[in-house]
Each structure stands twice: as C-alpha cells, then as structure tokens.
C-alpha cells in the first residue's frame, strides 16, 4: 500500500515539511488514477 499516491504524497509532504499539501496532491492523483484505471 506504500505505492498508493495518497501515501506517497503524505510521505513526500513530510519530507518537505508540508504534509497537508502532500496529502492534497496525493488525493487528487488517487482520484485521477481511480477514474483512469478502474479495478
């Protein structure tokens, strides 16, 4: 589950000191991937 955009976004945000921004970008990418590649 670490490869999910939401998780990676939060981790990247923590690295740069802005976890909320990372989570926001990760959530947007997660939604985009869910629409583009349905399971």
N, C-alpha and C. Protein backbone atom coordinates (compact mmCIF):
# COMPACT_ATOMS: atom_id res chain seq x y z
N UNK A 1 0.81 -1.20 0.00
CA UNK A 1 0.00 0.00 0.00
C UNK A 1 0.86 1.26 0.00
N UNK A 2 2.15 1.13 0.14
CA UNK A 2 3.01 2.31 0.16
C UNK A 2 3.08 2.94 -1.22
N UNK A 3 2.78 2.18 -2.25
CA UNK A 3 2.89 2.71 -3.60
C UNK A 3 1.66 3.53 -4.02
N UNK A 4 0.65 3.64 -3.17
CA UNK A 4 -0.54 4.43 -3.50
C UNK A 4 -0.19 5.91 -3.48
N UNK A 5 -0.77 6.70 -4.39
CA UNK A 5 -0.45 8.13 -4.46
C UNK A 5 -0.75 8.89 -3.17
N UNK A 6 -1.78 8.51 -2.47
CA UNK A 6 -2.11 9.22 -1.23
C UNK A 6 -1.02 9.03 -0.18
N UNK A 7 -0.55 7.80 -0.04
CA UNK A 7 0.50 7.51 0.95
C UNK A 7 1.81 8.18 0.55
N UNK A 8 2.16 8.06 -0.72
CA UNK A 8 3.40 8.68 -1.20
C UNK A 8 3.32 10.19 -1.08
N UNK A 9 2.17 10.76 -1.34
CA UNK A 9 2.00 12.21 -1.22
C UNK A 9 2.22 12.69 0.20
N UNK A 10 1.67 11.97 1.17
CA UNK A 10 1.86 12.35 2.57
C UNK A 10 3.33 12.22 2.96
N UNK A 11 3.96 11.13 2.56
CA UNK A 11 5.37 10.94 2.89
C UNK A 11 6.25 12.01 2.25
N UNK A 12 5.98 12.33 0.99
CA UNK A 12 6.75 13.39 0.33
C UNK A 12 6.50 14.73 1.00
N UNK A 13 5.27 14.96 1.41
CA UNK A 13 4.95 16.19 2.12
C UNK A 13 5.67 16.29 3.45
N UNK A 14 5.79 15.18 4.15
CA UNK A 14 6.54 15.17 5.41
C UNK A 14 8.01 15.51 5.18
N UNK A 15 8.56 15.02 4.08
CA UNK A 15 9.97 15.28 3.78
C UNK A 15 10.21 16.77 3.57
N UNK A 16 9.30 17.43 2.86
CA UNK A 16 9.50 18.86 2.58
C UNK A 16 8.86 19.76 3.62
N UNK A 17 8.20 19.17 4.62
CA UNK A 17 7.63 19.96 5.71
C UNK A 17 6.22 20.45 5.50
N UNK A 18 5.51 19.90 4.51
CA UNK A 18 4.13 20.29 4.25
C UNK A 18 3.27 19.05 4.00
N UNK A 19 2.96 18.31 5.07
CA UNK A 19 2.21 17.06 4.89
C UNK A 19 0.79 17.26 4.36
N UNK A 20 0.16 18.39 4.69
CA UNK A 20 -1.21 18.62 4.20
C UNK A 20 -1.20 18.83 2.69
N UNK A 21 -0.24 19.57 2.19
CA UNK A 21 -0.12 19.77 0.74
C UNK A 21 0.16 18.44 0.05
N UNK A 22 1.03 17.64 0.63
CA UNK A 22 1.33 16.33 0.06
C UNK A 22 0.11 15.43 0.03
N UNK A 23 -0.68 15.46 1.10
CA UNK A 23 -1.91 14.66 1.15
C UNK A 23 -2.92 15.15 0.12
N UNK A 24 -3.00 16.45 -0.06
CA UNK A 24 -3.93 17.01 -1.05
C UNK A 24 -3.55 16.58 -2.45
N UNK A 25 -2.29 16.72 -2.79
CA UNK A 25 -1.83 16.32 -4.12
C UNK A 25 -1.99 14.81 -4.30
N UNK A 26 -1.67 14.04 -3.26
CA UNK A 26 -1.84 12.59 -3.32
C UNK A 26 -3.29 12.19 -3.53
N UNK A 27 -4.20 12.88 -2.86
CA UNK A 27 -5.63 12.57 -3.01
C UNK A 27 -6.11 12.88 -4.42
N UNK A 28 -5.66 13.99 -4.97
CA UNK A 28 -6.04 14.34 -6.35
C UNK A 28 -5.52 13.29 -7.32
N UNK A 29 -4.27 12.88 -7.15
CA UNK A 29 -3.72 11.85 -8.03
C UNK A 29 -4.42 10.50 -7.84
N UNK A 30 -4.78 10.19 -6.61
CA UNK A 30 -5.51 8.95 -6.33
C UNK A 30 -6.85 8.93 -7.05
N UNK A 31 -7.57 10.03 -6.99
CA UNK A 31 -8.86 10.11 -7.68
C UNK A 31 -8.68 10.00 -9.19
N UNK A 32 -7.66 10.65 -9.71
CA UNK A 32 -7.39 10.58 -11.15
C UNK A 32 -7.11 9.13 -11.56
N UNK A 33 -6.30 8.43 -10.79
CA UNK A 33 -5.97 7.05 -11.14
C UNK A 33 -7.17 6.12 -11.00
N UNK A 34 -8.04 6.38 -10.03
CA UNK A 34 -9.24 5.55 -9.88
C UNK A 34 -10.17 5.70 -11.07
N UNK A 35 -10.23 6.89 -11.63
CA UNK A 35 -11.08 7.13 -12.80
C UNK A 35 -10.42 6.56 -14.05
N UNK A 36 -9.10 6.71 -14.17
CA UNK A 36 -8.39 6.28 -15.37
C UNK A 36 -8.23 4.77 -15.45
N UNK A 37 -7.96 4.13 -14.31
CA UNK A 37 -7.70 2.70 -14.29
C UNK A 37 -8.63 2.01 -13.29
N UNK A 38 -9.88 1.78 -13.66
CA UNK A 38 -10.80 1.13 -12.72
C UNK A 38 -10.37 -0.31 -12.44
N UNK A 39 -10.60 -0.75 -11.22
CA UNK A 39 -10.19 -2.11 -10.85
C UNK A 39 -11.29 -3.10 -11.09
